[in-house]
Amino acid sequence: MAWFKRKERKFKDPQKKTIPDGLWGKCPSCSEIIYKPELEKNLSVCHHCNHHFRVTPELYVNLLLDEKSKKKYFSNISSIDFLNFKAKKSYKDQIVDNKKKTNQSDAIQVFEGLINTHEVILGIMDFQFIAGSMGSVVGEIVSRSIVLAGKKNRPFILICSSGGARMQEGAISLMQLAKTSTQLAKFSKEGGLFIPILTDPTTGGVTASFGMLGDLILAEPGALIGFAGPRVIKQTIGQDLPKGFQRSEFLLQKGFIDHIVDRKNMKEKITTIISLLK
């Protein structure tokens, strides 16, 4: 049998069809290949395994607030490098870069608006901005939002997503835990309704403060929720951790959160809670 190479017979490959970059992705949970436009239509939730992808605050704004009802607050408050923090990249440069990347002043946005005609104050943390870390600005904005909700007699809903306290601000960042918790205590004493919604991830100082101080604590499916990360805990105690440790489902079983809510059902669930409790 005679063998030949393609180039010897001068065969030409048919013109290959190119696939535009960025149209396909892989689910980190089930490894399914997903068509990104379809994923976006499904609120960035995998239709195979229900994995909830991390999303920008804009998705929650469009998902929760009634059309043309939003009013933004506290967008002119920005962090400064008051400790002159030095690392591979200076804190000052980090702030500038993250402002450009997110087009926001810091790791939280706050809106006044309607959820199915119910008046609310809605805060949304942004993990894209220095991992959603809580520094002086995030603490100040959360505190002002609580005060605003109290003055207007409206529920305060806060979508949490954070890697913890912002180390570039040292002890100042840790002070925000007490600051926000104190404001929430006053808000609760005056009859205010606070609903935190914990998304992936919610860790560190946010979990240790307002993340776990809600009248009703909700979480998205599969969200990582805890103080220290699983690897740190495993190294500290020298033992293997239970399956699903620090995920929403595990915390629901242990009583740390009250309810797991899919993103597609979030608006209706919040509406029901406000109707019953406010």
C-alpha atoms as a PDB file:
ATOM      1  CA  MET A   1       0.000   0.000   0.000  1.00  0.00           C
ATOM      2  CA  ALA A   2       1.399   3.366  -1.000  1.00  0.00           C
ATOM      3  CA  TRP A   3       1.460   6.085   1.589  1.00  0.00           C
ATOM      4  CA  PHE A   4       1.785   9.778   0.941  1.00  0.00           C
ATOM      5  CA  LYS A   5       1.876  13.003   2.844  1.00  0.00           C
ATOM      6  CA  ARG A   6      -0.720  15.698   2.305  1.00  0.00           C
ATOM      7  CA  LYS A   7       1.884  18.245   1.258  1.00  0.00           C
ATOM      8  CA  GLU A   8       3.181  15.865  -1.455  1.00  0.00           C
ATOM      9  CA  ARG A   9      -0.219  15.839  -3.165  1.00  0.00           C
ATOM     10  CA  LYS A  10      -0.643  19.547  -2.451  1.00  0.00           C
ATOM     11  CA  PHE A  11      -3.969  19.146  -0.705  1.00  0.00           C
ATOM     12  CA  LYS A  12      -5.330  22.394   0.679  1.00  0.00           C
ATOM     13  CA  ASP A  13      -7.295  22.473   3.901  1.00  0.00           C
ATOM     14  CA  PRO A  14     -10.723  24.031   3.568  1.00  0.00           C
ATOM     15  CA  GLN A  15     -10.983  27.415   5.158  1.00  0.00           C
ATOM     16  CA  LYS A  16     -11.428  26.905   8.885  1.00  0.00           C
ATOM     17  CA  LYS A  17     -14.320  28.608  10.600  1.00  0.00           C
ATOM     18  CA  THR A  18     -13.095  30.688  13.461  1.00  0.00           C
ATOM     19  CA  ILE A  19     -14.957  30.885  16.772  1.00  0.00           C
ATOM     20  CA  PRO A  20     -14.854  34.347  18.357  1.00  0.00           C
ATOM     21  CA  ASP A  21     -12.995  34.497  21.642  1.00  0.00           C
ATOM     22  CA  GLY A  22     -14.981  34.808  24.851  1.00  0.00           C
ATOM     23  CA  LEU A  23     -18.123  32.978  23.702  1.00  0.00           C
ATOM     24  CA  TRP A  24     -17.533  29.788  25.664  1.00  0.00           C
ATOM     25  CA  GLY A  25     -16.548  29.038  29.228  1.00  0.00           C
ATOM     26  CA  LYS A  26     -16.285  26.131  31.627  1.00  0.00           C
ATOM     27  CA  CYS A  27     -18.346  25.770  34.786  1.00  0.00           C
ATOM     28  CA  PRO A  28     -15.930  25.468  37.752  1.00  0.00           C
ATOM     29  CA  SER A  29     -18.364  23.145  39.519  1.00  0.00           C
ATOM     30  CA  CYS A  30     -19.421  20.558  36.902  1.00  0.00           C
ATOM     31  CA  SER A  31     -16.851  21.336  34.134  1.00  0.00           C
ATOM     32  CA  GLU A  32     -19.647  21.695  31.580  1.00  0.00           C
ATOM     33  CA  ILE A  33     -18.794  23.872  28.578  1.00  0.00           C
ATOM     34  CA  ILE A  34     -21.235  26.783  28.565  1.00  0.00           C
ATOM     35  CA  TYR A  35     -22.214  29.231  25.849  1.00  0.00           C
ATOM     36  CA  LYS A  36     -21.713  32.570  27.593  1.00  0.00           C
ATOM     37  CA  PRO A  37     -24.674  34.448  26.058  1.00  0.00           C
ATOM     38  CA  GLU A  38     -26.944  31.655  27.340  1.00  0.00           C
ATOM     39  CA  LEU A  39     -25.262  31.844  30.740  1.00  0.00           C
ATOM     40  CA  GLU A  40     -25.958  35.571  30.904  1.00  0.00           C
ATOM     41  CA  LYS A  41     -29.616  34.991  30.014  1.00  0.00           C
ATOM     42  CA  ASN A  42     -29.762  32.578  32.954  1.00  0.00           C
ATOM     43  CA  LEU A  43     -28.472  35.242  35.382  1.00  0.00           C
ATOM     44  CA  SER A  44     -24.970  33.689  35.314  1.00  0.00           C
ATOM     45  CA  VAL A  45     -26.207  30.424  36.810  1.00  0.00           C
ATOM     46  CA  CYS A  46     -25.109  27.108  35.288  1.00  0.00           C
ATOM     47  CA  HIS A  47     -28.187  25.326  33.919  1.00  0.00           C
ATOM     48  CA  HIS A  48     -26.513  21.938  34.429  1.00  0.00           C
ATOM     49  CA  CYS A  49     -25.519  22.081  38.115  1.00  0.00           C
ATOM     50  CA  ASN A  50     -26.979  25.404  39.373  1.00  0.00           C
ATOM     51  CA  HIS A  51     -23.541  26.841  40.122  1.00  0.00           C
ATOM     52  CA  HIS A  52     -23.903  30.571  40.812  1.00  0.00           C
ATOM     53  CA  PHE A  53     -21.089  32.491  39.142  1.00  0.00           C
ATOM     54  CA  ARG A  54     -19.713  35.660  40.711  1.00  0.00           C
ATOM     55  CA  VAL A  55     -21.323  38.667  39.069  1.00  0.00           C
ATOM     56  CA  THR A  56     -21.090  42.450  39.066  1.00  0.00           C
ATOM     57  CA  PRO A  57     -23.352  44.682  41.190  1.00  0.00           C
ATOM     58  CA  GLU A  58     -25.168  45.777  38.020  1.00  0.00           C
ATOM     59  CA  LEU A  59     -26.771  42.353  37.698  1.00  0.00           C
ATOM     60  CA  TYR A  60     -28.294  42.598  41.181  1.00  0.00           C
ATOM     61  CA  VAL A  61     -29.480  46.140  40.551  1.00  0.00           C
ATOM     62  CA  ASN A  62     -31.298  45.066  37.380  1.00  0.00           C
ATOM     63  CA  LEU A  63     -32.547  41.870  39.007  1.00  0.00           C
ATOM     64  CA  LEU A  64     -33.957  43.346  42.214  1.00  0.00           C
ATOM     65  CA  LEU A  65     -34.974  46.958  41.743  1.00  0.00           C
ATOM     66  CA  ASP A  66     -38.125  47.894  39.865  1.00  0.00           C
ATOM     67  CA  GLU A  67     -37.491  49.687  36.600  1.00  0.00           C
ATOM     68  CA  LYS A  68     -36.654  53.389  36.894  1.00  0.00           C
ATOM     69  CA  SER A  69     -36.924  53.350  40.682  1.00  0.00           C
ATOM     70  CA  LYS A  70     -33.258  53.550  41.714  1.00  0.00           C
ATOM     71  CA  LYS A  71     -31.418  56.475  43.250  1.00  0.00           C
ATOM     72  CA  LYS A  72     -27.728  56.093  44.048  1.00  0.00           C
ATOM     73  CA  TYR A  73     -26.119  57.277  47.294  1.00  0.00           C
ATOM     74  CA  PHE A  74     -22.598  57.820  48.675  1.00  0.00           C
ATOM     75  CA  SER A  75     -20.826  57.482  45.329  1.00  0.00           C
ATOM     76  CA  ASN A  76     -18.380  60.321  46.088  1.00  0.00           C
ATOM     77  CA  ILE A  77     -16.640  58.669  49.067  1.00  0.00           C
ATOM     78  CA  SER A  78     -13.215  57.238  48.313  1.00  0.00           C
ATOM     79  CA  SER A  79     -10.355  55.608  50.228  1.00  0.00           C
ATOM     80  CA  ILE A  80      -7.008  57.304  50.814  1.00  0.00           C
ATOM     81  CA  ASP A  81      -3.618  55.795  51.617  1.00  0.00           C
ATOM     82  CA  PHE A  82      -3.328  57.326  55.077  1.00  0.00           C
ATOM     83  CA  LEU A  83      -0.830  54.651  56.252  1.00  0.00           C
ATOM     84  CA  ASN A  84       1.385  55.053  53.157  1.00  0.00           C
ATOM     85  CA  PHE A  85       1.153  51.280  52.788  1.00  0.00           C
ATOM     86  CA  LYS A  86       3.960  49.685  50.772  1.00  0.00           C
ATOM     87  CA  ALA A  87       3.844  46.286  49.037  1.00  0.00           C
ATOM     88  CA  LYS A  88       4.544  44.994  45.511  1.00  0.00           C
ATOM     89  CA  LYS A  89       2.088  47.676  44.444  1.00  0.00           C
ATOM     90  CA  SER A  90       1.326  50.693  46.612  1.00  0.00           C
ATOM     91  CA  TYR A  91      -2.154  50.995  48.085  1.00  0.00           C
ATOM     92  CA  LYS A  92      -2.551  54.342  46.340  1.00  0.00           C
ATOM     93  CA  ASP A  93      -1.951  52.671  42.966  1.00  0.00           C
ATOM     94  CA  GLN A  94      -4.321  49.821  43.849  1.00  0.00           C
ATOM     95  CA  ILE A  95      -7.094  52.314  44.536  1.00  0.00           C
ATOM     96  CA  VAL A  96      -6.521  54.101  41.238  1.00  0.00           C
ATOM     97  CA  ASP A  97      -6.368  50.855  39.243  1.00  0.00           C
ATOM     98  CA  ASN A  98      -9.528  49.437  40.812  1.00  0.00           C
ATOM     99  CA  LYS A  99     -11.444  52.662  40.268  1.00  0.00           C
ATOM    100  CA  LYS A 100     -10.592  52.411  36.574  1.00  0.00           C
ATOM    101  CA  LYS A 101     -11.439  48.699  36.421  1.00  0.00           C
ATOM    102  CA  THR A 102     -14.851  48.966  38.101  1.00  0.00           C
ATOM    103  CA  ASN A 103     -15.718  52.609  37.395  1.00  0.00           C
ATOM    104  CA  GLN A 104     -16.704  52.874  41.072  1.00  0.00           C
ATOM    105  CA  SER A 105     -15.244  54.736  44.051  1.00  0.00           C
ATOM    106  CA  ASP A 106     -14.918  51.663  46.290  1.00  0.00           C
ATOM    107  CA  ALA A 107     -16.140  48.116  46.957  1.00  0.00           C
ATOM    108  CA  ILE A 108     -19.806  48.909  47.634  1.00  0.00           C
ATOM    109  CA  GLN A 109     -22.714  50.626  45.911  1.00  0.00           C
ATOM    110  CA  VAL A 110     -25.907  51.786  47.628  1.00  0.00           C
ATOM    111  CA  PHE A 111     -29.303  52.512  46.105  1.00  0.00           C
ATOM    112  CA  GLU A 112     -32.726  53.655  47.224  1.00  0.00           C
ATOM    113  CA  GLY A 113     -35.446  51.982  45.196  1.00  0.00           C
ATOM    114  CA  LEU A 114     -38.441  49.694  44.969  1.00  0.00           C
ATOM    115  CA  ILE A 115     -38.607  45.903  45.082  1.00  0.00           C
ATOM    116  CA  ASN A 116     -42.052  44.966  43.784  1.00  0.00           C
ATOM    117  CA  THR A 117     -43.254  48.383  45.033  1.00  0.00           C
ATOM    118  CA  HIS A 118     -41.674  47.929  48.504  1.00  0.00           C
ATOM    119  CA  GLU A 119     -39.350  50.831  49.344  1.00  0.00           C
ATOM    120  CA  VAL A 120     -35.869  49.644  50.339  1.00  0.00           C
ATOM    121  CA  ILE A 121     -32.258  50.676  50.763  1.00  0.00           C
ATOM    122  CA  LEU A 122     -30.103  48.240  48.794  1.00  0.00           C
ATOM    123  CA  GLY A 123     -26.344  47.836  49.242  1.00  0.00           C
ATOM    124  CA  ILE A 124     -24.237  45.683  46.925  1.00  0.00           C
ATOM    125  CA  MET A 125     -20.604  44.787  47.570  1.00  0.00           C
ATOM    126  CA  ASP A 126     -18.255  44.368  44.618  1.00  0.00           C
ATOM    127  CA  PHE A 127     -15.643  41.587  44.803  1.00  0.00           C
ATOM    128  CA  GLN A 128     -13.868  43.048  41.767  1.00  0.00           C
ATOM    129  CA  PHE A 129     -12.731  46.049  43.836  1.00  0.00           C
ATOM    130  CA  ILE A 130      -9.735  44.786  45.868  1.00  0.00           C
ATOM    131  CA  ALA A 131     -11.590  41.523  46.578  1.00  0.00           C
ATOM    132  CA  GLY A 132     -14.540  43.367  48.101  1.00  0.00           C
ATOM    133  CA  SER A 133     -12.383  44.118  51.142  1.00  0.00           C
ATOM    134  CA  MET A 134     -13.840  46.258  53.914  1.00  0.00           C
ATOM    135  CA  GLY A 135     -11.831  49.340  54.707  1.00  0.00           C
ATOM    136  CA  SER A 136     -12.809  52.702  56.130  1.00  0.00           C
ATOM    137  CA  VAL A 137     -14.962  53.623  53.123  1.00  0.00           C
ATOM    138  CA  VAL A 138     -16.966  50.382  53.020  1.00  0.00           C
ATOM    139  CA  GLY A 139     -17.538  50.613  56.769  1.00  0.00           C
ATOM    140  CA  GLU A 140     -18.584  54.258  56.500  1.00  0.00           C
ATOM    141  CA  ILE A 141     -20.971  53.621  53.609  1.00  0.00           C
ATOM    142  CA  VAL A 142     -22.574  50.625  55.329  1.00  0.00           C
ATOM    143  CA  SER A 143     -23.007  52.730  58.486  1.00  0.00           C
ATOM    144  CA  ARG A 144     -24.532  55.641  56.550  1.00  0.00           C
ATOM    145  CA  SER A 145     -26.843  53.248  54.718  1.00  0.00           C
ATOM    146  CA  ILE A 146     -28.126  51.849  58.015  1.00  0.00           C
ATOM    147  CA  VAL A 147     -28.768  55.378  59.294  1.00  0.00           C
ATOM    148  CA  LEU A 148     -30.500  56.279  56.009  1.00  0.00           C
ATOM    149  CA  ALA A 149     -32.720  53.182  56.206  1.00  0.00           C
ATOM    150  CA  GLY A 150     -33.639  54.099  59.780  1.00  0.00           C
ATOM    151  CA  LYS A 151     -34.543  57.701  58.921  1.00  0.00           C
ATOM    152  CA  LYS A 152     -36.668  56.638  55.965  1.00  0.00           C
ATOM    153  CA  ASN A 153     -38.134  53.636  57.826  1.00  0.00           C
ATOM    154  CA  ARG A 154     -37.147  51.220  55.083  1.00  0.00           C
ATOM    155  CA  PRO A 155     -35.658  47.706  55.130  1.00  0.00           C
ATOM    156  CA  PHE A 156     -31.918  47.557  54.521  1.00  0.00           C
ATOM    157  CA  ILE A 157     -30.842  44.772  52.167  1.00  0.00           C
ATOM    158  CA  LEU A 158     -27.122  44.153  51.741  1.00  0.00           C
ATOM    159  CA  ILE A 159     -25.638  41.747  49.200  1.00  0.00           C
ATOM    160  CA  CYS A 160     -22.316  40.693  50.696  1.00  0.00           C
ATOM    161  CA  SER A 161     -19.251  39.592  48.755  1.00  0.00           C
ATOM    162  CA  SER A 162     -15.889  40.088  50.402  1.00  0.00           C
ATOM    163  CA  GLY A 163     -12.480  38.656  51.130  1.00  0.00           C
ATOM    164  CA  GLY A 164     -12.502  40.319  54.560  1.00  0.00           C
ATOM    165  CA  ALA A 165     -10.945  43.388  56.139  1.00  0.00           C
ATOM    166  CA  ARG A 166      -8.628  45.522  53.982  1.00  0.00           C
ATOM    167  CA  MET A 167      -5.134  44.914  55.330  1.00  0.00           C
ATOM    168  CA  GLN A 168      -3.767  48.029  53.612  1.00  0.00           C
ATOM    169  CA  GLU A 169      -5.628  50.104  56.216  1.00  0.00           C
ATOM    170  CA  GLY A 170      -4.401  48.138  59.227  1.00  0.00           C
ATOM    171  CA  ALA A 171      -6.369  48.473  62.474  1.00  0.00           C
ATOM    172  CA  ILE A 172      -8.638  51.082  60.867  1.00  0.00           C
ATOM    173  CA  SER A 173     -10.255  48.325  58.797  1.00  0.00           C
ATOM    174  CA  LEU A 174     -10.880  46.211  61.927  1.00  0.00           C
ATOM    175  CA  MET A 175     -12.610  49.153  63.596  1.00  0.00           C
ATOM    176  CA  GLN A 176     -15.325  48.938  60.930  1.00  0.00           C
ATOM    177  CA  LEU A 177     -16.625  45.712  62.490  1.00  0.00           C
ATOM    178  CA  ALA A 178     -17.557  47.526  65.704  1.00  0.00           C
ATOM    179  CA  LYS A 179     -18.748  50.623  63.841  1.00  0.00           C
ATOM    180  CA  THR A 180     -21.213  48.808  61.587  1.00  0.00           C
ATOM    181  CA  SER A 181     -22.358  46.412  64.311  1.00  0.00           C
ATOM    182  CA  THR A 182     -23.158  49.346  66.621  1.00  0.00           C
ATOM    183  CA  GLN A 183     -25.266  51.026  63.941  1.00  0.00           C
ATOM    184  CA  LEU A 184     -27.113  47.771  63.273  1.00  0.00           C
ATOM    185  CA  ALA A 185     -27.871  47.372  66.987  1.00  0.00           C
ATOM    186  CA  LYS A 186     -29.483  50.849  67.023  1.00  0.00           C
ATOM    187  CA  PHE A 187     -31.339  50.084  63.785  1.00  0.00           C
ATOM    188  CA  SER A 188     -32.698  46.822  65.207  1.00  0.00           C
ATOM    189  CA  LYS A 189     -33.719  48.441  68.508  1.00  0.00           C
ATOM    190  CA  GLU A 190     -35.771  50.977  66.548  1.00  0.00           C
ATOM    191  CA  GLY A 191     -37.560  48.193  64.669  1.00  0.00           C
ATOM    192  CA  GLY A 192     -35.527  48.229  61.453  1.00  0.00           C
ATOM    193  CA  LEU A 193     -35.431  45.208  59.161  1.00  0.00           C
ATOM    194  CA  PHE A 194     -31.981  44.099  57.974  1.00  0.00           C
ATOM    195  CA  ILE A 195     -31.537  41.280  55.420  1.00  0.00           C
ATOM    196  CA  PRO A 196     -27.989  40.319  54.421  1.00  0.00           C
ATOM    197  CA  ILE A 197     -27.627  38.090  51.355  1.00  0.00           C
ATOM    198  CA  LEU A 198     -24.341  36.187  51.431  1.00  0.00           C
ATOM    199  CA  THR A 199     -22.811  35.432  48.032  1.00  0.00           C
ATOM    200  CA  ASP A 200     -19.601  33.708  46.973  1.00  0.00           C
ATOM    201  CA  PRO A 201     -17.372  34.490  48.777  1.00  0.00           C
ATOM    202  CA  THR A 202     -18.299  36.169  52.064  1.00  0.00           C
ATOM    203  CA  THR A 203     -15.400  35.846  54.478  1.00  0.00           C
ATOM    204  CA  GLY A 204     -13.315  37.555  57.135  1.00  0.00           C
ATOM    205  CA  GLY A 205     -14.465  40.747  58.798  1.00  0.00           C
ATOM    206  CA  VAL A 206     -17.702  40.987  56.819  1.00  0.00           C
ATOM    207  CA  THR A 207     -18.806  37.577  58.094  1.00  0.00           C
ATOM    208  CA  ALA A 208     -17.635  38.538  61.578  1.00  0.00           C
ATOM    209  CA  SER A 209     -19.804  41.672  61.591  1.00  0.00           C
ATOM    210  CA  PHE A 210     -22.854  42.715  59.584  1.00  0.00           C
ATOM    211  CA  GLY A 211     -22.875  39.569  57.423  1.00  0.00           C
ATOM    212  CA  MET A 212     -24.207  37.514  60.341  1.00  0.00           C
ATOM    213  CA  LEU A 213     -26.303  40.149  62.103  1.00  0.00           C
ATOM    214  CA  GLY A 214     -29.403  40.055  59.948  1.00  0.00           C
ATOM    215  CA  ASP A 215     -32.971  39.562  61.095  1.00  0.00           C
ATOM    216  CA  LEU A 216     -33.053  36.904  58.398  1.00  0.00           C
ATOM    217  CA  ILE A 217     -29.828  35.716  56.756  1.00  0.00           C
ATOM    218  CA  LEU A 218     -30.064  34.536  53.154  1.00  0.00           C
ATOM    219  CA  ALA A 219     -27.360  32.986  50.966  1.00  0.00           C
ATOM    220  CA  GLU A 220     -26.943  31.946  47.366  1.00  0.00           C
ATOM    221  CA  PRO A 221     -26.370  28.230  46.666  1.00  0.00           C
ATOM    222  CA  GLY A 222     -22.804  26.995  47.052  1.00  0.00           C
ATOM    223  CA  ALA A 223     -21.429  30.271  48.407  1.00  0.00           C
ATOM    224  CA  LEU A 224     -18.218  30.112  50.433  1.00  0.00           C
ATOM    225  CA  ILE A 225     -19.042  31.665  53.809  1.00  0.00           C
ATOM    226  CA  GLY A 226     -16.742  31.800  56.798  1.00  0.00           C
ATOM    227  CA  PHE A 227     -14.135  33.721  58.737  1.00  0.00           C
ATOM    228  CA  ALA A 228     -10.813  32.043  57.915  1.00  0.00           C
ATOM    229  CA  GLY A 229     -10.543  29.949  54.756  1.00  0.00           C
ATOM    230  CA  PRO A 230     -10.838  26.137  54.762  1.00  0.00           C
ATOM    231  CA  ARG A 231      -7.125  25.630  54.056  1.00  0.00           C
ATOM    232  CA  VAL A 232      -6.112  27.784  57.026  1.00  0.00           C
ATOM    233  CA  ILE A 233      -8.518  25.955  59.335  1.00  0.00           C
ATOM    234  CA  LYS A 234      -7.336  22.546  58.143  1.00  0.00           C
ATOM    235  CA  GLN A 235      -3.697  23.498  58.754  1.00  0.00           C
ATOM    236  CA  THR A 236      -4.547  24.908  62.181  1.00  0.00           C
ATOM    237  CA  ILE A 237      -6.511  21.937  63.548  1.00  0.00           C
ATOM    238  CA  GLY A 238      -4.603  19.281  61.628  1.00  0.00           C
ATOM    239  CA  GLN A 239      -7.771  17.427  60.599  1.00  0.00           C
ATOM    240  CA  ASP A 240      -9.713  16.851  57.416  1.00  0.00           C
ATOM    241  CA  LEU A 241     -12.803  19.045  57.113  1.00  0.00           C
ATOM    242  CA  PRO A 242     -16.337  17.756  56.435  1.00  0.00           C
ATOM    243  CA  LYS A 243     -17.525  17.638  52.843  1.00  0.00           C
ATOM    244  CA  GLY A 244     -18.961  20.980  51.767  1.00  0.00           C
ATOM    245  CA  PHE A 245     -17.438  22.751  54.776  1.00  0.00           C
ATOM    246  CA  GLN A 246     -18.224  26.502  54.828  1.00  0.00           C
ATOM    247  CA  ARG A 247     -20.626  26.281  51.900  1.00  0.00           C
ATOM    248  CA  SER A 248     -24.188  27.603  52.117  1.00  0.00           C
ATOM    249  CA  GLU A 249     -25.750  24.160  52.378  1.00  0.00           C
ATOM    250  CA  PHE A 250     -23.452  23.124  55.242  1.00  0.00           C
ATOM    251  CA  LEU A 251     -24.119  26.357  57.145  1.00  0.00           C
ATOM    252  CA  LEU A 252     -27.870  25.969  56.680  1.00  0.00           C
ATOM    253  CA  GLN A 253     -27.701  22.549  58.328  1.00  0.00           C
ATOM    254  CA  LYS A 254     -25.729  24.015  61.249  1.00  0.00           C
ATOM    255  CA  GLY A 255     -28.116  26.949  61.711  1.00  0.00           C
ATOM    256  CA  PHE A 256     -25.719  29.734  60.716  1.00  0.00           C
ATOM    257  CA  ILE A 257     -27.985  30.959  57.912  1.00  0.00           C
ATOM    258  CA  ASP A 258     -31.764  30.896  57.579  1.00  0.00           C
ATOM    259  CA  HIS A 259     -32.444  30.216  53.922  1.00  0.00           C
ATOM    260  CA  ILE A 260     -30.741  29.458  50.611  1.00  0.00           C
ATOM    261  CA  VAL A 261     -32.251  31.342  47.688  1.00  0.00           C
ATOM    262  CA  ASP A 262     -31.558  30.891  43.983  1.00  0.00           C
ATOM    263  CA  ARG A 263     -30.749  34.066  42.128  1.00  0.00           C
ATOM    264  CA  LYS A 264     -33.809  33.725  39.891  1.00  0.00           C
ATOM    265  CA  ASN A 265     -36.089  33.588  42.958  1.00  0.00           C
ATOM    266  CA  MET A 266     -34.343  36.298  44.959  1.00  0.00           C
ATOM    267  CA  LYS A 267     -36.655  39.206  44.182  1.00  0.00           C
ATOM    268  CA  GLU A 268     -39.816  37.271  45.016  1.00  0.00           C
ATOM    269  CA  LYS A 269     -38.280  35.849  48.196  1.00  0.00           C
ATOM    270  CA  ILE A 270     -37.281  39.312  49.425  1.00  0.00           C
ATOM    271  CA  THR A 271     -40.742  40.613  48.579  1.00  0.00           C
ATOM    272  CA  THR A 272     -42.347  37.860  50.663  1.00  0.00           C
ATOM    273  CA  ILE A 273     -40.025  38.487  53.617  1.00  0.00           C
ATOM    274  CA  ILE A 274     -40.684  42.236  53.598  1.00  0.00           C
ATOM    275  CA  SER A 275     -44.435  41.646  53.341  1.00  0.00           C
ATOM    276  CA  LEU A 276     -44.348  39.341  56.374  1.00  0.00           C
ATOM    277  CA  LEU A 277     -41.858  41.164  58.620  1.00  0.00           C
ATOM    278  CA  LYS A 278     -42.051  44.869  57.853  1.00  0.00           C
END
